[in-house]
Each structure stands twice: as structure tokens, then as C-alpha cells.
Amino acid sequence: GSAFEQYIVSFDHWIAFVLLALIGGNMVKESFSGEEECHDG
């Protein structure tokens, strides 16, 4: 509810940014590795 709105809105974008940047950065790194790897994991 509204009691916590100010806390959530103040940092939700930072959490989303960090998680997506880390995951995306890992994908970029893997694209340059040239290794054939199984991504089922």
C-alpha cells in the first residue's frame, strides 16, 4: 500500500538496472568467448 510507496519508488529502478546490467553483461561476455556451451542450465 501507500505506506511504503516512497521507499519502493526510490530504489526499484536501481535494482532493476543492476540485475539487468549484470545479466546482460554476462551475455555480452559469453558472446565473445567463442566457446560452444550448453545453455540448458
PDB file of all heavy atoms in Angstrom:
ATOM      1  N   GLY A   1       0.785  -1.223   0.000  1.00  0.00           N
ATOM      2  CA  GLY A   1       0.000   0.000   0.000  1.00  0.00           C
ATOM      3  C   GLY A   1       0.818   1.275   0.000  1.00  0.00           C
ATOM      4  O   GLY A   1       2.023   1.282  -0.209  1.00  0.00           O
ATOM      5  N   SER A   2       0.123   2.333   0.256  1.00  0.00           N
ATOM      6  CA  SER A   2       0.725   3.658   0.166  1.00  0.00           C
ATOM      7  C   SER A   2       1.742   3.944   1.274  1.00  0.00           C
ATOM      8  O   SER A   2       2.572   4.827   1.123  1.00  0.00           O
ATOM      9  CB  SER A   2      -0.361   4.723   0.172  1.00  0.00           C
ATOM     10  OG  SER A   2      -1.089   4.665   1.373  1.00  0.00           O
ATOM     11  N   ALA A   3       1.694   3.200   2.356  1.00  0.00           N
ATOM     12  CA  ALA A   3       2.624   3.454   3.461  1.00  0.00           C
ATOM     13  C   ALA A   3       4.084   3.260   3.054  1.00  0.00           C
ATOM     14  O   ALA A   3       4.969   3.939   3.565  1.00  0.00           O
ATOM     15  CB  ALA A   3       2.294   2.554   4.642  1.00  0.00           C
ATOM     16  N   PHE A   4       4.319   2.335   2.116  1.00  0.00           N
ATOM     17  CA  PHE A   4       5.687   2.051   1.703  1.00  0.00           C
ATOM     18  C   PHE A   4       6.017   2.565   0.306  1.00  0.00           C
ATOM     19  O   PHE A   4       7.099   2.307  -0.198  1.00  0.00           O
ATOM     20  CB  PHE A   4       5.957   0.545   1.769  1.00  0.00           C
ATOM     21  CG  PHE A   4       5.905   0.001   3.162  1.00  0.00           C
ATOM     22  CD1 PHE A   4       4.790  -0.697   3.599  1.00  0.00           C
ATOM     23  CD2 PHE A   4       6.955   0.208   4.035  1.00  0.00           C
ATOM     24  CE1 PHE A   4       4.732  -1.189   4.893  1.00  0.00           C
ATOM     25  CE2 PHE A   4       6.906  -0.283   5.325  1.00  0.00           C
ATOM     26  CZ  PHE A   4       5.794  -0.980   5.755  1.00  0.00           C
ATOM     27  N   GLU A   5       5.101   3.266  -0.314  1.00  0.00           N
ATOM     28  CA  GLU A   5       5.308   3.713  -1.693  1.00  0.00           C
ATOM     29  C   GLU A   5       6.587   4.527  -1.864  1.00  0.00           C
ATOM     30  O   GLU A   5       7.365   4.282  -2.779  1.00  0.00           O
ATOM     31  CB  GLU A   5       4.109   4.533  -2.180  1.00  0.00           C
ATOM     32  CG  GLU A   5       4.284   5.002  -3.608  1.00  0.00           C
ATOM     33  CD  GLU A   5       3.113   5.843  -4.082  1.00  0.00           C
ATOM     34  OE1 GLU A   5       2.295   6.271  -3.257  1.00  0.00           O
ATOM     35  OE2 GLU A   5       3.043   6.070  -5.287  1.00  0.00           O
ATOM     36  N   GLN A   6       6.834   5.439  -0.975  1.00  0.00           N
ATOM     37  CA  GLN A   6       8.017   6.298  -1.124  1.00  0.00           C
ATOM     38  C   GLN A   6       9.320   5.508  -1.059  1.00  0.00           C
ATOM     39  O   GLN A   6      10.298   5.838  -1.715  1.00  0.00           O
ATOM     40  CB  GLN A   6       8.009   7.397  -0.082  1.00  0.00           C
ATOM     41  CG  GLN A   6       8.100   6.889   1.345  1.00  0.00           C
ATOM     42  CD  GLN A   6       7.924   8.000   2.349  1.00  0.00           C
ATOM     43  OE1 GLN A   6       7.947   9.167   2.003  1.00  0.00           O
ATOM     44  NE2 GLN A   6       7.739   7.642   3.606  1.00  0.00           N
ATOM     45  N   TYR A   7       9.333   4.424  -0.301  1.00  0.00           N
ATOM     46  CA  TYR A   7      10.541   3.612  -0.202  1.00  0.00           C
ATOM     47  C   TYR A   7      10.761   2.757  -1.451  1.00  0.00           C
ATOM     48  O   TYR A   7      11.871   2.585  -1.918  1.00  0.00           O
ATOM     49  CB  TYR A   7      10.487   2.713   1.033  1.00  0.00           C
ATOM     50  CG  TYR A   7      10.318   3.500   2.311  1.00  0.00           C
ATOM     51  CD1 TYR A   7       9.157   3.378   3.057  1.00  0.00           C
ATOM     52  CD2 TYR A   7      11.305   4.372   2.744  1.00  0.00           C
ATOM     53  CE1 TYR A   7       8.993   4.107   4.230  1.00  0.00           C
ATOM     54  CE2 TYR A   7      11.141   5.102   3.907  1.00  0.00           C
ATOM     55  CZ  TYR A   7       9.987   4.971   4.642  1.00  0.00           C
ATOM     56  OH  TYR A   7       9.822   5.685   5.793  1.00  0.00           O
ATOM     57  N   ILE A   8       9.693   2.192  -1.973  1.00  0.00           N
ATOM     58  CA  ILE A   8       9.795   1.328  -3.144  1.00  0.00           C
ATOM     59  C   ILE A   8      10.163   2.133  -4.377  1.00  0.00           C
ATOM     60  O   ILE A   8      11.047   1.758  -5.142  1.00  0.00           O
ATOM     61  CB  ILE A   8       8.474   0.558  -3.355  1.00  0.00           C
ATOM     62  CG1 ILE A   8       8.228  -0.381  -2.181  1.00  0.00           C
ATOM     63  CG2 ILE A   8       8.480  -0.202  -4.663  1.00  0.00           C
ATOM     64  CD1 ILE A   8       6.821  -0.931  -2.136  1.00  0.00           C
ATOM     65  N   VAL A   9       9.471   3.234  -4.574  1.00  0.00           N
ATOM     66  CA  VAL A   9       9.708   4.053  -5.757  1.00  0.00           C
ATOM     67  C   VAL A   9      11.123   4.625  -5.756  1.00  0.00           C
ATOM     68  O   VAL A   9      11.722   4.804  -6.809  1.00  0.00           O
ATOM     69  CB  VAL A   9       8.652   5.188  -5.835  1.00  0.00           C
ATOM     70  CG1 VAL A   9       8.981   6.183  -6.914  1.00  0.00           C
ATOM     71  CG2 VAL A   9       7.280   4.584  -6.079  1.00  0.00           C
ATOM     72  N   SER A  10      11.692   4.824  -4.604  1.00  0.00           N
ATOM     73  CA  SER A  10      13.005   5.456  -4.546  1.00  0.00           C
ATOM     74  C   SER A  10      14.152   4.548  -4.974  1.00  0.00           C
ATOM     75  O   SER A  10      15.208   5.033  -5.333  1.00  0.00           O
ATOM     76  CB  SER A  10      13.275   6.003  -3.134  1.00  0.00           C
ATOM     77  OG  SER A  10      13.386   4.932  -2.218  1.00  0.00           O
ATOM     78  N   PHE A  11      13.962   3.231  -4.964  1.00  0.00           N
ATOM     79  CA  PHE A  11      15.092   2.375  -5.355  1.00  0.00           C
ATOM     80  C   PHE A  11      14.748   1.229  -6.306  1.00  0.00           C
ATOM     81  O   PHE A  11      15.646   0.486  -6.712  1.00  0.00           O
ATOM     82  CB  PHE A  11      15.796   1.810  -4.119  1.00  0.00           C
ATOM     83  CG  PHE A  11      14.963   0.880  -3.286  1.00  0.00           C
ATOM     84  CD1 PHE A  11      14.882  -0.468  -3.592  1.00  0.00           C
ATOM     85  CD2 PHE A  11      14.261   1.352  -2.190  1.00  0.00           C
ATOM     86  CE1 PHE A  11      14.117  -1.329  -2.832  1.00  0.00           C
ATOM     87  CE2 PHE A  11      13.494   0.503  -1.418  1.00  0.00           C
ATOM     88  CZ  PHE A  11      13.419  -0.848  -1.739  1.00  0.00           C
ATOM     89  N   ASP A  12      13.498   1.075  -6.724  1.00  0.00           N
ATOM     90  CA  ASP A  12      13.159  -0.045  -7.608  1.00  0.00           C
ATOM     91  C   ASP A  12      13.910   0.007  -8.929  1.00  0.00           C
ATOM     92  O   ASP A  12      14.338  -1.008  -9.460  1.00  0.00           O
ATOM     93  CB  ASP A  12      11.650  -0.140  -7.839  1.00  0.00           C
ATOM     94  CG  ASP A  12      11.086   0.999  -8.664  1.00  0.00           C
ATOM     95  OD1 ASP A  12      11.735   2.053  -8.802  1.00  0.00           O
ATOM     96  OD2 ASP A  12       9.961   0.832  -9.176  1.00  0.00           O
ATOM     97  N   HIS A  13      14.115   1.199  -9.446  1.00  0.00           N
ATOM     98  CA  HIS A  13      14.817   1.349 -10.717  1.00  0.00           C
ATOM     99  C   HIS A  13      16.290   0.953 -10.610  1.00  0.00           C
ATOM    100  O   HIS A  13      16.854   0.417 -11.553  1.00  0.00           O
ATOM    101  CB  HIS A  13      14.664   2.776 -11.235  1.00  0.00           C
ATOM    102  CG  HIS A  13      15.013   3.819 -10.218  1.00  0.00           C
ATOM    103  ND1 HIS A  13      14.163   4.154  -9.180  1.00  0.00           N
ATOM    104  CD2 HIS A  13      16.114   4.566 -10.062  1.00  0.00           C
ATOM    105  CE1 HIS A  13      14.732   5.092  -8.447  1.00  0.00           C
ATOM    106  NE2 HIS A  13      15.917   5.356  -8.956  1.00  0.00           N
ATOM    107  N   TRP A  14      16.891   1.170  -9.458  1.00  0.00           N
ATOM    108  CA  TRP A  14      18.296   0.781  -9.273  1.00  0.00           C
ATOM    109  C   TRP A  14      18.444  -0.739  -9.234  1.00  0.00           C
ATOM    110  O   TRP A  14      19.377  -1.298  -9.818  1.00  0.00           O
ATOM    111  CB  TRP A  14      18.857   1.391  -7.985  1.00  0.00           C
ATOM    112  CG  TRP A  14      19.109   2.861  -8.124  1.00  0.00           C
ATOM    113  CD1 TRP A  14      18.354   3.872  -7.602  1.00  0.00           C
ATOM    114  CD2 TRP A  14      20.161   3.485  -8.854  1.00  0.00           C
ATOM    115  NE1 TRP A  14      18.889   5.090  -7.965  1.00  0.00           N
ATOM    116  CE2 TRP A  14      20.002   4.879  -8.728  1.00  0.00           C
ATOM    117  CE3 TRP A  14      21.232   3.007  -9.612  1.00  0.00           C
ATOM    118  CZ2 TRP A  14      20.861   5.793  -9.331  1.00  0.00           C
ATOM    119  CZ3 TRP A  14      22.094   3.916 -10.198  1.00  0.00           C
ATOM    120  CH2 TRP A  14      21.901   5.294 -10.053  1.00  0.00           C
ATOM    121  N   ILE A  15      17.520  -1.411  -8.566  1.00  0.00           N
ATOM    122  CA  ILE A  15      17.566  -2.877  -8.500  1.00  0.00           C
ATOM    123  C   ILE A  15      17.403  -3.467  -9.898  1.00  0.00           C
ATOM    124  O   ILE A  15      18.164  -4.340 -10.313  1.00  0.00           O
ATOM    125  CB  ILE A  15      16.487  -3.416  -7.537  1.00  0.00           C
ATOM    126  CG1 ILE A  15      16.790  -2.996  -6.104  1.00  0.00           C
ATOM    127  CG2 ILE A  15      16.379  -4.939  -7.645  1.00  0.00           C
ATOM    128  CD1 ILE A  15      15.664  -3.268  -5.126  1.00  0.00           C
ATOM    129  N   ALA A  16      16.390  -2.991 -10.633  1.00  0.00           N
ATOM    130  CA  ALA A  16      16.157  -3.495 -11.984  1.00  0.00           C
ATOM    131  C   ALA A  16      17.368  -3.230 -12.874  1.00  0.00           C
ATOM    132  O   ALA A  16      17.807  -4.104 -13.625  1.00  0.00           O
ATOM    133  CB  ALA A  16      14.909  -2.855 -12.579  1.00  0.00           C
ATOM    134  N   PHE A  17      17.934  -2.039 -12.782  1.00  0.00           N
ATOM    135  CA  PHE A  17      19.097  -1.687 -13.601  1.00  0.00           C
ATOM    136  C   PHE A  17      20.290  -2.594 -13.301  1.00  0.00           C
ATOM    137  O   PHE A  17      20.907  -3.145 -14.211  1.00  0.00           O
ATOM    138  CB  PHE A  17      19.484  -0.218 -13.372  1.00  0.00           C
ATOM    139  CG  PHE A  17      20.794   0.161 -13.996  1.00  0.00           C
ATOM    140  CD1 PHE A  17      20.923   0.249 -15.374  1.00  0.00           C
ATOM    141  CD2 PHE A  17      21.899   0.419 -13.210  1.00  0.00           C
ATOM    142  CE1 PHE A  17      22.125   0.589 -15.959  1.00  0.00           C
ATOM    143  CE2 PHE A  17      23.114   0.750 -13.780  1.00  0.00           C
ATOM    144  CZ  PHE A  17      23.234   0.849 -15.167  1.00  0.00           C
ATOM    145  N   VAL A  18      20.618  -2.766 -12.034  1.00  0.00           N
ATOM    146  CA  VAL A  18      21.782  -3.584 -11.659  1.00  0.00           C
ATOM    147  C   VAL A  18      21.597  -5.038 -12.100  1.00  0.00           C
ATOM    148  O   VAL A  18      22.507  -5.631 -12.694  1.00  0.00           O
ATOM    149  CB  VAL A  18      22.055  -3.490 -10.133  1.00  0.00           C
ATOM    150  CG1 VAL A  18      23.054  -4.530  -9.688  1.00  0.00           C
ATOM    151  CG2 VAL A  18      22.549  -2.092  -9.778  1.00  0.00           C
ATOM    152  N   LEU A  19      20.431  -5.620 -11.830  1.00  0.00           N
ATOM    153  CA  LEU A  19      20.211  -7.015 -12.214  1.00  0.00           C
ATOM    154  C   LEU A  19      20.270  -7.199 -13.724  1.00  0.00           C
ATOM    155  O   LEU A  19      20.931  -8.114 -14.226  1.00  0.00           O
ATOM    156  CB  LEU A  19      18.867  -7.512 -11.673  1.00  0.00           C
ATOM    157  CG  LEU A  19      18.777  -7.723 -10.175  1.00  0.00           C
ATOM    158  CD1 LEU A  19      17.354  -8.072  -9.763  1.00  0.00           C
ATOM    159  CD2 LEU A  19      19.737  -8.803  -9.717  1.00  0.00           C
ATOM    160  N   LEU A  20      19.597  -6.335 -14.478  1.00  0.00           N
ATOM    161  CA  LEU A  20      19.610  -6.464 -15.933  1.00  0.00           C
ATOM    162  C   LEU A  20      20.996  -6.187 -16.513  1.00  0.00           C
ATOM    163  O   LEU A  20      21.416  -6.847 -17.464  1.00  0.00           O
ATOM    164  CB  LEU A  20      18.561  -5.554 -16.564  1.00  0.00           C
ATOM    165  CG  LEU A  20      17.113  -5.974 -16.326  1.00  0.00           C
ATOM    166  CD1 LEU A  20      16.154  -4.897 -16.817  1.00  0.00           C
ATOM    167  CD2 LEU A  20      16.813  -7.299 -16.988  1.00  0.00           C
ATOM    168  N   ALA A  21      21.716  -5.226 -15.950  1.00  0.00           N
ATOM    169  CA  ALA A  21      23.067  -4.938 -16.435  1.00  0.00           C
ATOM    170  C   ALA A  21      24.016  -6.110 -16.171  1.00  0.00           C
ATOM    171  O   ALA A  21      24.842  -6.456 -17.027  1.00  0.00           O
ATOM    172  CB  ALA A  21      23.603  -3.661 -15.790  1.00  0.00           C
ATOM    173  N   LEU A  22      23.912  -6.729 -15.009  1.00  0.00           N
ATOM    174  CA  LEU A  22      24.759  -7.887 -14.705  1.00  0.00           C
ATOM    175  C   LEU A  22      24.463  -9.064 -15.626  1.00  0.00           C
ATOM    176  O   LEU A  22      25.372  -9.690 -16.177  1.00  0.00           O
ATOM    177  CB  LEU A  22      24.590  -8.311 -13.246  1.00  0.00           C
ATOM    178  CG  LEU A  22      25.229  -7.402 -12.194  1.00  0.00           C
ATOM    179  CD1 LEU A  22      24.825  -7.849 -10.794  1.00  0.00           C
ATOM    180  CD2 LEU A  22      26.732  -7.387 -12.345  1.00  0.00           C
ATOM    181  N   ILE A  23      23.192  -9.358 -15.788  1.00  0.00           N
ATOM    182  CA  ILE A  23      22.808 -10.476 -16.653  1.00  0.00           C
ATOM    183  C   ILE A  23      23.168 -10.171 -18.106  1.00  0.00           C
ATOM    184  O   ILE A  23      23.723 -11.008 -18.814  1.00  0.00           O
ATOM    185  CB  ILE A  23      21.305 -10.791 -16.487  1.00  0.00           C
ATOM    186  CG1 ILE A  23      21.038 -11.294 -15.068  1.00  0.00           C
ATOM    187  CG2 ILE A  23      20.845 -11.817 -17.510  1.00  0.00           C
ATOM    188  CD1 ILE A  23      19.579 -11.275 -14.666  1.00  0.00           C
ATOM    189  N   GLY A  24      22.858  -8.966 -18.557  1.00  0.00           N
ATOM    190  CA  GLY A  24      23.198  -8.565 -19.924  1.00  0.00           C
ATOM    191  C   GLY A  24      24.697  -8.536 -20.155  1.00  0.00           C
ATOM    192  O   GLY A  24      25.185  -8.978 -21.201  1.00  0.00           O
ATOM    193  N   GLY A  25      25.440  -8.028 -19.180  1.00  0.00           N
ATOM    194  CA  GLY A  25      26.904  -8.014 -19.294  1.00  0.00           C
ATOM    195  C   GLY A  25      27.485  -9.407 -19.415  1.00  0.00           C
ATOM    196  O   GLY A  25      28.422  -9.645 -20.187  1.00  0.00           O
ATOM    197  N   ASN A  26      26.919 -10.335 -18.670  1.00  0.00           N
ATOM    198  CA  ASN A  26      27.365 -11.722 -18.764  1.00  0.00           C
ATOM    199  C   ASN A  26      27.079 -12.300 -20.151  1.00  0.00           C
ATOM    200  O   ASN A  26      27.905 -13.013 -20.715  1.00  0.00           O
ATOM    201  CB  ASN A  26      26.696 -12.567 -17.681  1.00  0.00           C
ATOM    202  CG  ASN A  26      27.307 -13.940 -17.590  1.00  0.00           C
ATOM    203  OD1 ASN A  26      28.525 -14.093 -17.561  1.00  0.00           O
ATOM    204  ND2 ASN A  26      26.464 -14.949 -17.553  1.00  0.00           N
ATOM    205  N   MET A  27      25.933 -11.975 -20.710  1.00  0.00           N
ATOM    206  CA  MET A  27      25.606 -12.440 -22.059  1.00  0.00           C
ATOM    207  C   MET A  27      26.561 -11.848 -23.092  1.00  0.00           C
ATOM    208  O   MET A  27      26.992 -12.539 -24.018  1.00  0.00           O
ATOM    209  CB  MET A  27      24.158 -12.086 -22.425  1.00  0.00           C
ATOM    210  CG  MET A  27      23.124 -12.935 -21.731  1.00  0.00           C
ATOM    211  SD  MET A  27      21.443 -12.484 -22.193  1.00  0.00           S
ATOM    212  CE  MET A  27      21.386 -13.113 -23.868  1.00  0.00           C
ATOM    213  N   VAL A  28      26.884 -10.569 -22.953  1.00  0.00           N
ATOM    214  CA  VAL A  28      27.831  -9.928 -23.871  1.00  0.00           C
ATOM    215  C   VAL A  28      29.188 -10.616 -23.771  1.00  0.00           C
ATOM    216  O   VAL A  28      29.816 -10.952 -24.783  1.00  0.00           O
ATOM    217  CB  VAL A  28      27.951  -8.412 -23.581  1.00  0.00           C
ATOM    218  CG1 VAL A  28      29.122  -7.799 -24.324  1.00  0.00           C
ATOM    219  CG2 VAL A  28      26.649  -7.699 -23.927  1.00  0.00           C
ATOM    220  N   LYS A  29      29.635 -10.863 -22.550  1.00  0.00           N
ATOM    221  CA  LYS A  29      30.917 -11.550 -22.342  1.00  0.00           C
ATOM    222  C   LYS A  29      30.903 -12.921 -22.990  1.00  0.00           C
ATOM    223  O   LYS A  29      31.857 -13.314 -23.673  1.00  0.00           O
ATOM    224  CB  LYS A  29      31.207 -11.657 -20.843  1.00  0.00           C
ATOM    225  CG  LYS A  29      32.561 -12.267 -20.512  1.00  0.00           C
ATOM    226  CD  LYS A  29      32.760 -12.355 -19.019  1.00  0.00           C
ATOM    227  CE  LYS A  29      32.310 -13.746 -18.624  1.00  0.00           C
ATOM    228  NZ  LYS A  29      32.483 -14.083 -17.244  1.00  0.00           N
ATOM    229  N   GLU A  30      29.831 -13.671 -22.799  1.00  0.00           N
ATOM    230  CA  GLU A  30      29.733 -15.007 -23.373  1.00  0.00           C
ATOM    231  C   GLU A  30      29.699 -14.971 -24.896  1.00  0.00           C
ATOM    232  O   GLU A  30      30.188 -15.897 -25.546  1.00  0.00           O
ATOM    233  CB  GLU A  30      28.493 -15.727 -22.841  1.00  0.00           C
ATOM    234  CG  GLU A  30      28.633 -16.162 -21.407  1.00  0.00           C
ATOM    235  CD  GLU A  30      27.356 -16.819 -20.862  1.00  0.00           C
ATOM    236  OE1 GLU A  30      26.404 -17.035 -21.646  1.00  0.00           O
ATOM    237  OE2 GLU A  30      27.337 -17.105 -19.663  1.00  0.00           O
ATOM    238  N   SER A  31      29.142 -13.912 -25.479  1.00  0.00           N
ATOM    239  CA  SER A  31      29.080 -13.834 -26.937  1.00  0.00           C
ATOM    240  C   SER A  31      30.467 -13.694 -27.555  1.00  0.00           C
ATOM    241  O   SER A  31      30.688 -14.088 -28.692  1.00  0.00           O
ATOM    242  CB  SER A  31      28.199 -12.666 -27.379  1.00  0.00           C
ATOM    243  OG  SER A  31      28.854 -11.422 -27.196  1.00  0.00           O
ATOM    244  N   PHE A  32      31.429 -13.163 -26.797  1.00  0.00           N
ATOM    245  CA  PHE A  32      32.795 -13.004 -27.293  1.00  0.00           C
ATOM    246  C   PHE A  32      33.700 -14.177 -26.918  1.00  0.00           C
ATOM    247  O   PHE A  32      34.825 -14.249 -27.380  1.00  0.00           O
ATOM    248  CB  PHE A  32      33.415 -11.704 -26.765  1.00  0.00           C
ATOM    249  CG  PHE A  32      32.835 -10.475 -27.393  1.00  0.00           C
ATOM    250  CD1 PHE A  32      32.033  -9.623 -26.655  1.00  0.00           C
ATOM    251  CD2 PHE A  32      33.086 -10.174 -28.723  1.00  0.00           C
ATOM    252  CE1 PHE A  32      31.495  -8.483 -27.235  1.00  0.00           C
ATOM    253  CE2 PHE A  32      32.546  -9.042 -29.311  1.00  0.00           C
ATOM    254  CZ  PHE A  32      31.748  -8.195 -28.562  1.00  0.00           C
ATOM    255  N   SER A  33      33.223 -15.092 -26.100  1.00  0.00           N
ATOM    256  CA  SER A  33      34.074 -16.183 -25.634  1.00  0.00           C
ATOM    257  C   SER A  33      34.391 -17.188 -26.730  1.00  0.00           C
ATOM    258  O   SER A  33      35.418 -17.852 -26.681  1.00  0.00           O
ATOM    259  CB  SER A  33      33.434 -16.895 -24.442  1.00  0.00           C
ATOM    260  OG  SER A  33      32.330 -17.653 -24.871  1.00  0.00           O
ATOM    261  N   GLY A  34      33.506 -17.331 -27.701  1.00  0.00           N
ATOM    262  CA  GLY A  34      33.730 -18.276 -28.789  1.00  0.00           C
ATOM    263  C   GLY A  34      33.549 -19.724 -28.379  1.00  0.00           C
ATOM    264  O   GLY A  34      33.750 -20.629 -29.171  1.00  0.00           O
ATOM    265  N   GLU A  35      33.195 -19.974 -27.142  1.00  0.00           N
ATOM    266  CA  GLU A  35      33.002 -21.332 -26.654  1.00  0.00           C
ATOM    267  C   GLU A  35      31.624 -21.829 -27.030  1.00  0.00           C
ATOM    268  O   GLU A  35      30.653 -21.093 -26.991  1.00  0.00           O
ATOM    269  CB  GLU A  35      33.121 -21.374 -25.120  1.00  0.00           C
ATOM    270  CG  GLU A  35      34.470 -20.999 -24.591  1.00  0.00           C
ATOM    271  CD  GLU A  35      34.469 -20.958 -23.060  1.00  0.00           C
ATOM    272  OE1 GLU A  35      33.501 -21.426 -22.443  1.00  0.00           O
ATOM    273  OE2 GLU A  35      35.438 -20.435 -22.511  1.00  0.00           O
ATOM    274  N   GLU A  36      31.559 -23.087 -27.406  1.00  0.00           N
ATOM    275  CA  GLU A  36      30.264 -23.738 -27.602  1.00  0.00           C
ATOM    276  C   GLU A  36      29.861 -24.284 -26.241  1.00  0.00           C
ATOM    277  O   GLU A  36      30.479 -25.200 -25.726  1.00  0.00           O
ATOM    278  CB  GLU A  36      30.377 -24.874 -28.622  1.00  0.00           C
ATOM    279  CG  GLU A  36      30.465 -24.392 -30.048  1.00  0.00           C
ATOM    280  CD  GLU A  36      29.213 -23.648 -30.491  1.00  0.00           C
ATOM    281  OE1 GLU A  36      28.096 -24.082 -30.164  1.00  0.00           O
ATOM    282  OE2 GLU A  36      29.372 -22.620 -31.163  1.00  0.00           O
ATOM    283  N   GLU A  37      28.863 -23.727 -25.666  1.00  0.00           N
ATOM    284  CA  GLU A  37      28.442 -24.184 -24.356  1.00  0.00           C
ATOM    285  C   GLU A  37      26.968 -24.532 -24.362  1.00  0.00           C
ATOM    286  O   GLU A  37      26.197 -23.994 -25.136  1.00  0.00           O
ATOM    287  CB  GLU A  37      28.758 -23.152 -23.269  1.00  0.00           C
ATOM    288  CG  GLU A  37      28.623 -21.730 -23.695  1.00  0.00           C
ATOM    289  CD  GLU A  37      29.035 -20.769 -22.617  1.00  0.00           C
ATOM    290  OE1 GLU A  37      28.536 -20.868 -21.500  1.00  0.00           O
ATOM    291  OE2 GLU A  37      29.849 -19.907 -22.910  1.00  0.00           O
ATOM    292  N   CYS A  38      26.622 -25.430 -23.496  1.00  0.00           N
ATOM    293  CA  CYS A  38      25.230 -25.839 -23.364  1.00  0.00           C
ATOM    294  C   CYS A  38      24.557 -24.867 -22.405  1.00  0.00           C
ATOM    295  O   CYS A  38      24.989 -24.708 -21.268  1.00  0.00           O
ATOM    296  CB  CYS A  38      25.160 -27.268 -22.832  1.00  0.00           C
ATOM    297  SG  CYS A  38      23.484 -27.837 -22.569  1.00  0.00           S
ATOM    298  N   HIS A  39      23.509 -24.219 -22.859  1.00  0.00           N
ATOM    299  CA  HIS A  39      22.817 -23.232 -22.043  1.00  0.00           C
ATOM    300  C   HIS A  39      21.564 -23.781 -21.371  1.00  0.00           C
ATOM    301  O   HIS A  39      20.729 -23.020 -20.909  1.00  0.00           O
ATOM    302  CB  HIS A  39      22.452 -22.003 -22.883  1.00  0.00           C
ATOM    303  CG  HIS A  39      23.624 -21.175 -23.250  1.00  0.00           C
ATOM    304  ND1 HIS A  39      24.208 -20.292 -22.391  1.00  0.00           N
ATOM    305  CD2 HIS A  39      24.354 -21.123 -24.385  1.00  0.00           C
ATOM    306  CE1 HIS A  39      25.229 -19.706 -22.979  1.00  0.00           C
ATOM    307  NE2 HIS A  39      25.339 -20.198 -24.199  1.00  0.00           N
ATOM    308  N   ASP A  40      21.395 -25.111 -21.358  1.00  0.00           N
ATOM    309  CA  ASP A  40      20.212 -25.666 -20.707  1.00  0.00           C
ATOM    310  C   ASP A  40      20.167 -25.292 -19.229  1.00  0.00           C
ATOM    311  O   ASP A  40      19.107 -25.150 -18.661  1.00  0.00           O
ATOM    312  CB  ASP A  40      20.169 -27.190 -20.861  1.00  0.00           C
ATOM    313  CG  ASP A  40      19.785 -27.594 -22.271  1.00  0.00           C
ATOM    314  OD1 ASP A  40      19.245 -26.748 -22.996  1.00  0.00           O
ATOM    315  OD2 ASP A  40      20.029 -28.747 -22.620  1.00  0.00           O
ATOM    316  N   GLY A  41      21.338 -25.110 -18.598  1.00  0.00           N
ATOM    317  CA  GLY A  41      21.391 -24.698 -17.201  1.00  0.00           C
ATOM    318  C   GLY A  41      20.853 -23.306 -16.980  1.00  0.00           C
ATOM    319  O   GLY A  41      20.598 -22.903 -15.853  1.00  0.00           O
TER     320      GLY A  41
END
